[in-house]
C-alpha atoms as a PDB file:
ATOM      1  CA  MET A   1     -36.679 116.759 -53.424  1.00  0.00           C
ATOM      2  CA  LYS A   2     -40.436 117.047 -52.933  1.00  0.00           C
ATOM      3  CA  LEU A   3     -42.682 118.717 -55.495  1.00  0.00           C
ATOM      4  CA  GLU A   4     -46.072 120.255 -54.787  1.00  0.00           C
ATOM      5  CA  ASP A   5     -48.813 121.758 -56.914  1.00  0.00           C
ATOM      6  CA  CYS A   6     -49.373 125.265 -55.520  1.00  0.00           C
ATOM      7  CA  THR A   7     -52.137 127.039 -57.384  1.00  0.00           C
ATOM      8  CA  TYR A   8     -55.598 126.290 -58.686  1.00  0.00           C
ATOM      9  CA  ARG A   9     -55.269 128.247 -61.963  1.00  0.00           C
ATOM     10  CA  LYS A  10     -51.982 127.036 -63.349  1.00  0.00           C
ATOM     11  CA  LYS A  11     -49.481 124.373 -62.524  1.00  0.00           C
ATOM     12  CA  CYS A  12     -46.834 125.714 -60.158  1.00  0.00           C
ATOM     13  CA  ILE A  13     -44.183 123.504 -58.671  1.00  0.00           C
ATOM     14  CA  ARG A  14     -42.472 124.093 -55.342  1.00  0.00           C
ATOM     15  CA  TYR A  15     -39.020 122.655 -54.901  1.00  0.00           C
ATOM     16  CA  ASN A  16     -38.463 121.796 -51.253  1.00  0.00           C
ATOM     17  CA  GLN A  17     -34.716 121.391 -51.568  1.00  0.00           C
ATOM     18  CA  LEU A  18     -32.982 120.956 -48.218  1.00  0.00           C
ATOM     19  CA  GLY A  19     -31.078 124.110 -47.337  1.00  0.00           C
ATOM     20  CA  ASP A  20     -32.810 126.432 -49.809  1.00  0.00           C
ATOM     21  CA  VAL A  21     -34.278 129.694 -48.644  1.00  0.00           C
ATOM     22  CA  HIS A  22     -37.712 130.550 -50.079  1.00  0.00           C
ATOM     23  CA  PHE A  23     -38.765 133.998 -51.267  1.00  0.00           C
ATOM     24  CA  LEU A  24     -42.549 133.963 -50.830  1.00  0.00           C
ATOM     25  CA  THR A  25     -45.162 136.457 -51.962  1.00  0.00           C
ATOM     26  CA  PHE A  26     -48.874 136.195 -51.356  1.00  0.00           C
ATOM     27  CA  HIS A  27     -51.705 138.667 -51.906  1.00  0.00           C
ATOM     28  CA  CYS A  28     -54.897 139.733 -50.220  1.00  0.00           C
ATOM     29  CA  PHE A  29     -58.116 138.638 -51.915  1.00  0.00           C
ATOM     30  CA  GLY A  30     -58.764 140.599 -55.079  1.00  0.00           C
ATOM     31  CA  GLY A  31     -55.618 142.677 -54.528  1.00  0.00           C
ATOM     32  CA  GLN A  32     -57.453 144.654 -51.844  1.00  0.00           C
ATOM     33  CA  ARG A  33     -55.628 146.693 -49.213  1.00  0.00           C
ATOM     34  CA  PHE A  34     -56.592 144.567 -46.208  1.00  0.00           C
ATOM     35  CA  PHE A  35     -53.317 145.470 -44.440  1.00  0.00           C
ATOM     36  CA  ALA A  36     -53.957 149.212 -44.643  1.00  0.00           C
ATOM     37  CA  GLY A  37     -55.407 149.276 -41.101  1.00  0.00           C
ATOM     38  CA  GLN A  38     -53.807 148.442 -37.759  1.00  0.00           C
ATOM     39  CA  HIS A  39     -55.496 145.110 -36.946  1.00  0.00           C
ATOM     40  CA  ALA A  40     -54.427 142.897 -39.852  1.00  0.00           C
ATOM     41  CA  PRO A  41     -50.652 143.581 -39.621  1.00  0.00           C
ATOM     42  CA  GLY A  42     -50.781 142.637 -35.934  1.00  0.00           C
ATOM     43  CA  TRP A  43     -52.696 139.442 -36.663  1.00  0.00           C
ATOM     44  CA  PHE A  44     -50.181 138.565 -39.366  1.00  0.00           C
ATOM     45  CA  LEU A  45     -47.139 139.116 -37.134  1.00  0.00           C
ATOM     46  CA  GLU A  46     -48.708 137.086 -34.337  1.00  0.00           C
ATOM     47  CA  SER A  47     -49.512 134.273 -36.759  1.00  0.00           C
ATOM     48  CA  LEU A  48     -45.995 134.407 -38.235  1.00  0.00           C
ATOM     49  CA  ASP A  49     -44.432 134.053 -34.788  1.00  0.00           C
ATOM     50  CA  VAL A  50     -46.692 131.155 -33.772  1.00  0.00           C
ATOM     51  CA  ALA A  51     -46.220 129.420 -37.141  1.00  0.00           C
ATOM     52  CA  ARG A  52     -42.451 129.266 -36.844  1.00  0.00           C
ATOM     53  CA  ASN A  53     -42.840 127.269 -33.646  1.00  0.00           C
ATOM     54  CA  ARG A  54     -45.489 124.937 -35.101  1.00  0.00           C
ATOM     55  CA  LYS A  55     -43.830 124.398 -38.515  1.00  0.00           C
ATOM     56  CA  PRO A  56     -40.204 125.330 -37.836  1.00  0.00           C
ATOM     57  CA  PHE A  57     -38.503 127.800 -40.146  1.00  0.00           C
ATOM     58  CA  ASP A  58     -36.054 130.654 -39.851  1.00  0.00           C
ATOM     59  CA  LEU A  59     -37.494 134.060 -40.666  1.00  0.00           C
ATOM     60  CA  LEU A  60     -34.862 136.046 -42.545  1.00  0.00           C
ATOM     61  CA  ALA A  61     -36.868 139.031 -43.794  1.00  0.00           C
ATOM     62  CA  PHE A  62     -40.412 140.247 -44.337  1.00  0.00           C
ATOM     63  CA  VAL A  63     -42.513 143.196 -45.358  1.00  0.00           C
ATOM     64  CA  ILE A  64     -46.253 143.635 -44.992  1.00  0.00           C
ATOM     65  CA  MET A  65     -47.523 145.867 -47.774  1.00  0.00           C
ATOM     66  CA  PRO A  66     -51.115 147.166 -47.928  1.00  0.00           C
ATOM     67  CA  GLU A  67     -52.257 144.342 -50.261  1.00  0.00           C
ATOM     68  CA  HIS A  68     -49.516 141.702 -50.147  1.00  0.00           C
ATOM     69  CA  VAL A  69     -46.707 140.186 -48.101  1.00  0.00           C
ATOM     70  CA  HIS A  70     -43.125 139.189 -48.936  1.00  0.00           C
ATOM     71  CA  LEU A  71     -41.282 136.664 -46.765  1.00  0.00           C
ATOM     72  CA  LEU A  72     -37.808 135.198 -46.885  1.00  0.00           C
ATOM     73  CA  VAL A  73     -37.833 131.926 -44.947  1.00  0.00           C
ATOM     74  CA  ALA A  74     -35.576 128.917 -44.467  1.00  0.00           C
ATOM     75  CA  PRO A  75     -37.704 125.851 -43.634  1.00  0.00           C
ATOM     76  CA  ALA A  76     -36.387 123.306 -41.159  1.00  0.00           C
ATOM     77  CA  GLU A  77     -35.553 119.900 -42.576  1.00  0.00           C
ATOM     78  CA  GLY A  78     -38.703 118.040 -43.591  1.00  0.00           C
ATOM     79  CA  VAL A  79     -41.020 121.055 -43.297  1.00  0.00           C
ATOM     80  CA  PRO A  80     -42.766 121.776 -46.622  1.00  0.00           C
ATOM     81  CA  VAL A  81     -43.394 125.372 -47.618  1.00  0.00           C
ATOM     82  CA  SER A  82     -47.101 124.615 -48.054  1.00  0.00           C
ATOM     83  CA  ALA A  83     -47.330 123.704 -44.335  1.00  0.00           C
ATOM     84  CA  ILE A  84     -45.612 126.959 -43.380  1.00  0.00           C
ATOM     85  CA  LEU A  85     -47.986 128.969 -45.566  1.00  0.00           C
ATOM     86  CA  SER A  86     -51.045 127.267 -44.084  1.00  0.00           C
ATOM     87  CA  ALA A  87     -49.792 127.817 -40.540  1.00  0.00           C
ATOM     88  CA  ILE A  88     -49.310 131.522 -41.259  1.00  0.00           C
ATOM     89  CA  LYS A  89     -52.293 132.325 -43.461  1.00  0.00           C
ATOM     90  CA  GLN A  90     -55.179 130.341 -41.943  1.00  0.00           C
ATOM     91  CA  PRO A  91     -55.142 132.019 -38.490  1.00  0.00           C
ATOM     92  CA  VAL A  92     -55.024 135.464 -40.120  1.00  0.00           C
ATOM     93  CA  SER A  93     -58.047 134.594 -42.285  1.00  0.00           C
ATOM     94  CA  ARG A  94     -60.034 133.283 -39.317  1.00  0.00           C
ATOM     95  CA  LYS A  95     -59.300 136.343 -37.176  1.00  0.00           C
ATOM     96  CA  ALA A  96     -59.973 138.831 -39.969  1.00  0.00           C
ATOM     97  CA  ILE A  97     -63.266 137.268 -41.042  1.00  0.00           C
ATOM     98  CA  ALA A  98     -64.466 136.954 -37.439  1.00  0.00           C
ATOM     99  CA  TRP A  99     -63.525 140.578 -36.739  1.00  0.00           C
ATOM    100  CA  VAL A 100     -65.270 141.849 -39.877  1.00  0.00           C
ATOM    101  CA  LYS A 101     -68.432 139.846 -39.083  1.00  0.00           C
ATOM    102  CA  GLN A 102     -68.577 141.370 -35.602  1.00  0.00           C
ATOM    103  CA  HIS A 103     -67.405 144.943 -36.236  1.00  0.00           C
ATOM    104  CA  ARG A 104     -67.825 145.742 -39.947  1.00  0.00           C
ATOM    105  CA  PRO A 105     -70.360 143.335 -41.514  1.00  0.00           C
ATOM    106  CA  GLU A 106     -70.861 145.699 -44.470  1.00  0.00           C
ATOM    107  CA  PHE A 107     -67.251 144.907 -45.446  1.00  0.00           C
ATOM    108  CA  LEU A 108     -68.000 141.170 -45.915  1.00  0.00           C
ATOM    109  CA  ALA A 109     -69.129 141.744 -49.508  1.00  0.00           C
ATOM    110  CA  ARG A 110     -65.536 142.715 -50.369  1.00  0.00           C
ATOM    111  CA  MET A 111     -64.316 139.375 -48.994  1.00  0.00           C
ATOM    112  CA  LEU A 112     -66.880 137.210 -50.771  1.00  0.00           C
ATOM    113  CA  ASP A 113     -65.495 134.730 -53.286  1.00  0.00           C
ATOM    114  CA  VAL A 114     -68.073 133.003 -55.454  1.00  0.00           C
ATOM    115  CA  GLN A 115     -66.355 130.009 -57.017  1.00  0.00           C
ATOM    116  CA  PRO A 116     -67.091 128.620 -60.505  1.00  0.00           C
ATOM    117  CA  LYS A 117     -69.433 125.911 -59.160  1.00  0.00           C
ATOM    118  CA  GLY A 118     -71.336 128.417 -57.028  1.00  0.00           C
ATOM    119  CA  LYS A 119     -69.683 127.816 -53.639  1.00  0.00           C
ATOM    120  CA  ARG A 120     -69.362 130.972 -51.599  1.00  0.00           C
ATOM    121  CA  HIS A 121     -66.494 131.682 -49.197  1.00  0.00           C
ATOM    122  CA  TYR A 122     -65.189 134.726 -47.405  1.00  0.00           C
ATOM    123  CA  ARG A 123     -61.492 135.183 -48.101  1.00  0.00           C
ATOM    124  CA  PHE A 124     -58.704 137.270 -46.713  1.00  0.00           C
ATOM    125  CA  TRP A 125     -56.073 135.793 -49.063  1.00  0.00           C
ATOM    126  CA  GLU A 126     -56.091 135.255 -52.787  1.00  0.00           C
ATOM    127  CA  ARG A 127     -56.666 131.615 -53.734  1.00  0.00           C
ATOM    128  CA  GLY A 128     -53.575 129.491 -54.330  1.00  0.00           C
ATOM    129  CA  GLY A 129     -50.163 129.356 -52.770  1.00  0.00           C
ATOM    130  CA  GLY A 130     -48.780 132.597 -54.135  1.00  0.00           C
ATOM    131  CA  TYR A 131     -45.299 133.042 -55.555  1.00  0.00           C
ATOM    132  CA  ASP A 132     -42.396 130.890 -54.333  1.00  0.00           C
ATOM    133  CA  ARG A 133     -38.813 131.212 -55.561  1.00  0.00           C
ATOM    134  CA  ASN A 134     -35.935 129.109 -54.244  1.00  0.00           C
ATOM    135  CA  VAL A 135     -32.937 131.193 -53.209  1.00  0.00           C
ATOM    136  CA  GLN A 136     -29.806 129.103 -53.291  1.00  0.00           C
ATOM    137  CA  ASN A 137     -26.896 131.306 -52.231  1.00  0.00           C
ATOM    138  CA  VAL A 138     -26.038 134.048 -49.764  1.00  0.00           C
ATOM    139  CA  GLU A 139     -25.696 136.744 -52.428  1.00  0.00           C
ATOM    140  CA  GLU A 140     -29.229 136.117 -53.655  1.00  0.00           C
ATOM    141  CA  VAL A 141     -30.532 136.091 -50.061  1.00  0.00           C
ATOM    142  CA  HIS A 142     -29.119 139.597 -49.601  1.00  0.00           C
ATOM    143  CA  GLU A 143     -30.570 140.711 -52.951  1.00  0.00           C
ATOM    144  CA  LYS A 144     -34.047 139.511 -51.899  1.00  0.00           C
ATOM    145  CA  MET A 145     -33.682 141.205 -48.514  1.00  0.00           C
ATOM    146  CA  ARG A 146     -32.916 144.522 -50.240  1.00  0.00           C
ATOM    147  CA  TYR A 147     -35.920 144.042 -52.514  1.00  0.00           C
ATOM    148  CA  ILE A 148     -38.169 143.319 -49.514  1.00  0.00           C
ATOM    149  CA  HIS A 149     -36.954 146.260 -47.432  1.00  0.00           C
ATOM    150  CA  LEU A 150     -37.132 148.757 -50.291  1.00  0.00           C
ATOM    151  CA  ASN A 151     -40.632 147.748 -51.390  1.00  0.00           C
ATOM    152  CA  PRO A 152     -42.418 150.497 -49.372  1.00  0.00           C
ATOM    153  CA  VAL A 153     -39.966 153.093 -50.751  1.00  0.00           C
ATOM    154  CA  ARG A 154     -40.477 151.955 -54.363  1.00  0.00           C
ATOM    155  CA  ARG A 155     -44.226 152.227 -53.830  1.00  0.00           C
ATOM    156  CA  GLU A 156     -43.732 155.742 -52.397  1.00  0.00           C
ATOM    157  CA  LEU A 157     -45.382 154.850 -49.102  1.00  0.00           C
ATOM    158  CA  VAL A 158     -42.355 156.163 -47.180  1.00  0.00           C
ATOM    159  CA  GLU A 159     -39.146 157.999 -48.056  1.00  0.00           C
ATOM    160  CA  SER A 160     -36.785 155.491 -46.399  1.00  0.00           C
ATOM    161  CA  PRO A 161     -37.202 151.843 -45.346  1.00  0.00           C
ATOM    162  CA  GLU A 162     -36.788 152.461 -41.607  1.00  0.00           C
ATOM    163  CA  GLN A 163     -39.992 154.547 -41.693  1.00  0.00           C
ATOM    164  CA  TRP A 164     -42.152 151.528 -42.651  1.00  0.00           C
ATOM    165  CA  PRO A 165     -43.353 149.875 -39.419  1.00  0.00           C
ATOM    166  CA  TRP A 166     -44.221 146.490 -40.938  1.00  0.00           C
ATOM    167  CA  SER A 167     -40.872 145.119 -42.090  1.00  0.00           C
ATOM    168  CA  SER A 168     -37.698 143.487 -40.825  1.00  0.00           C
ATOM    169  CA  TYR A 169     -35.546 146.465 -41.845  1.00  0.00           C
ATOM    170  CA  ARG A 170     -35.111 147.816 -38.306  1.00  0.00           C
ATOM    171  CA  ALA A 171     -34.369 144.345 -36.965  1.00  0.00           C
ATOM    172  CA  TRP A 172     -31.487 144.027 -39.413  1.00  0.00           C
ATOM    173  CA  PHE A 173     -30.080 147.540 -39.431  1.00  0.00           C
ATOM    174  CA  GLU A 174     -30.836 148.793 -35.935  1.00  0.00           C
ATOM    175  CA  GLY A 175     -30.501 145.453 -34.111  1.00  0.00           C
ATOM    176  CA  VAL A 176     -33.952 145.584 -32.507  1.00  0.00           C
ATOM    177  CA  ASP A 177     -36.352 142.676 -32.861  1.00  0.00           C
ATOM    178  CA  GLU A 178     -39.315 144.877 -33.643  1.00  0.00           C
ATOM    179  CA  PRO A 179     -41.938 144.283 -34.694  1.00  0.00           C
ATOM    180  CA  ILE A 180     -40.859 140.589 -34.562  1.00  0.00           C
ATOM    181  CA  ARG A 181     -37.693 138.537 -34.015  1.00  0.00           C
ATOM    182  CA  ILE A 182     -35.558 137.807 -37.091  1.00  0.00           C
ATOM    183  CA  ASP A 183     -33.209 134.812 -37.356  1.00  0.00           C
ATOM    184  CA  ARG A 184     -30.038 136.737 -38.206  1.00  0.00           C
ATOM    185  CA  GLY A 185     -27.597 133.870 -37.612  1.00  0.00           C
ATOM    186  CA  SER A 186     -29.241 131.669 -40.206  1.00  0.00           C
ATOM    187  CA  ILE A 187     -27.748 133.528 -43.179  1.00  0.00           C
ATOM    188  CA  ALA A 188     -24.164 133.104 -42.019  1.00  0.00           C
ATOM    189  CA  THR A 189     -24.546 129.325 -41.940  1.00  0.00           C
ATOM    190  CA  ARG A 190     -25.720 129.101 -45.569  1.00  0.00           C
ATOM    191  CA  GLN A 191     -22.970 128.429 -48.049  1.00  0.00           C
ATOM    192  CA  PRO A 192     -23.211 129.296 -51.739  1.00  0.00           C
ATOM    193  CA  LYS A 193     -23.998 126.290 -53.934  1.00  0.00           C
END
């Protein structure tokens, strides 16, 4: 088992236990609605697809909300969650900041993070690794999938989960890999502990 420190504010330990699925949540900088437009969700999905080839993991479920993301992933053996997060988040940040600088420079002030020692950075994501919970059995995997898919309904963004374009709901319940491929077979191979 490998442990990692995952946040700058408080000690948070990630347990990279072989075979565990990870329920991940991470937020946009300052809780802002950076995913409310059309560009950022596309950048995120592209980055997610590329990341799973660079740092192998199975993608079981996801939802992109206006100000945060939930993922359910199963890392390949030897692939730490922190590497997966970096591979997903860094390209999105680069693309978003570059796009804002070119097309909406007045928006940069909303992305500015002045750190305690005075360093200034533009951020798309909140600092730190976000929330990571190990999911150790099939029943809990299905519970987290329901939570993920119903998130837009609970927030009253849509009336039913199939109406939200930025989730894995349709991939699971309609059998179409839109907006991105889901690793459906991975759940069946996971045995309860």
